[in-house]
Amino acid sequence: MSDWKTTDGLPRRRRHRALSPWREHLRDTFWFAPTAALFLVFVVWSAATAADDAILTALRDSGDEDAVGDLLGIAEDAKIVVTTISAAMMTFIGVVFSISLVAVQMAAGQFSPRVVRIFVRSRITKATFAVFLATFVQSLLVLTSYDSQRDPALVASIPLVQSVLTLILVGLSVVLFVMYVNSTLRLMRVAHVVDLITREALRVVASMPLDVSAEEPVGTGPSTGPNSDLGPETARVAHHGRAGVLRDVDIARLVRMARQNGVVLRLVPRIGDFVVPGTPVFAVHGEPATKGLRALSFQVYVGAERTFHQDLGFGLRQLSDIALRALSPAVNDPTTAVQAMDRIVQFLSSVAQRPLGALLHRDRRGTVRLVQPVPGWTELVDLAFTEIRGCAVSSPQVTRRLLAGLDDLLGAVAEDRREPLVRHRTLLTQAVERAVPEAADRAFALHPDRQGIG
């Protein structure tokens, strides 16, 4: 299905794809790309060796010993370069990635430990590491192919194609190194990091179906509100796997299972909640036609940390963490907090007109089969502003930006969504009035400004 832009500038929602635990494991680790590169370099080296043997055999069959001697001289000259590459490449790898670890540590301290996942998942970093190791191994393999014989009539191997392949890998390593340095430097810039987080968060917003229930928590109370159309709750299914953060549910399979059993399923925890064995994960509404509901517990995926997949509040959590870290006395960087606030306001603006509360997933006949809770508007606003507001009182740059952001959102939302924004604005004003003794300083700190102080 092709993409097109909606009125809020977000891409059209694609069909939900289940989160693959194996794919997520590969994205979160560094072992796969280097291992694949090492396997591939052995295959390519074997092919290059066969090509070198074929060239040598063809020249001998034609009786052209002079050409064999010329190739042997070229290969001997290339051996000097290959030896230099072999000696220098591993040292180069160690130095480069030692610097990288320092950069990651600095980014985690300056922004938030949760942004380390951006470094770990960087494709250019994994590609660079893989090609560097492949170049080193290739140079060692080429050196083993050199023959000690110098007589063209007796030499058994002339690694010409292998040497050329090594030089190509060195050129690719240089190109990737330049791209890697550029990527690492960008990831150390706060503007680029918050932009990456915001884009990921907006993709989650774009993937949400617009078929959403009323903005109320989906609970187990009396049949009024969003639960009234689901029917009576007849059973609950507990989590039987390992403890961890709920990262994904297989929506397509759950809808199919609910249709086959003639029930409506309701996800009890939200994506991003920590669940332990025995935690109820599904509530069943209606009498199941079969006894196959125990398999529901296998349709959830938990992991060690949250991801953006189906998690509406994770991007906002990261942006809030960056702002809080910037406002801490150890860092004291209100400008970074303002940059994070810019993106927080952008995210809230993107969901300001969207219905929130619980996503409704339907089968092909249009019947609701799965109800998935998501944060409501009030919860998102509290996540965005509560902690930042508590730390921003002593920084007029942040209070001015915070007030401007709240005012912008007040003008963008409907009347029924203004209460949490007005509450945070009032609490911020009261906190500044209590903390700042001078009237002129209070007036300055309470003047809305989209740039803070500029």
Foldseek 3Di string as FASTA:
>chain_A
DDWDADPLRFIAADDDDFDDPVVVVVLQDLPPLQVVLQVVLVVVLVVLQVVQQVVLVVCVVVVPLVVLLVLQVVLVVLLVVLVVLLVVLVVVLVVVVVVVVVLLVVLCLQFNVVLSSVVSNDPLVSNLSNLSSSLNVLSVVLVVQFDPDNRSVPGNGRSPSSSVVSVVSVVVNVVSVVVVVVVSVLSSDLLSSLVVLLVLLSSLVNNADLAAAAADADDQDPLDGPNVVQAHFDDFAWAADAKAFFAGFPVVVQQVQLVQQVWAKEADDARGDIGHGGHTGITIHDGGPDPPCNCRNVRIDGDHGYDSRNANCPSLLSLQSRLLSCLDPVNVHNQSNLSSLVSLLVSLLSCQPGGAAWGFDHDPVRDTRYIHGHHGLLVSLCSNQVSNLVSCLVPLLNLQLLLQSLVVSCVRHDPVNNVSSVVSLVVSLVSNPVPPPDPVVSVSSNHHDNRSVD
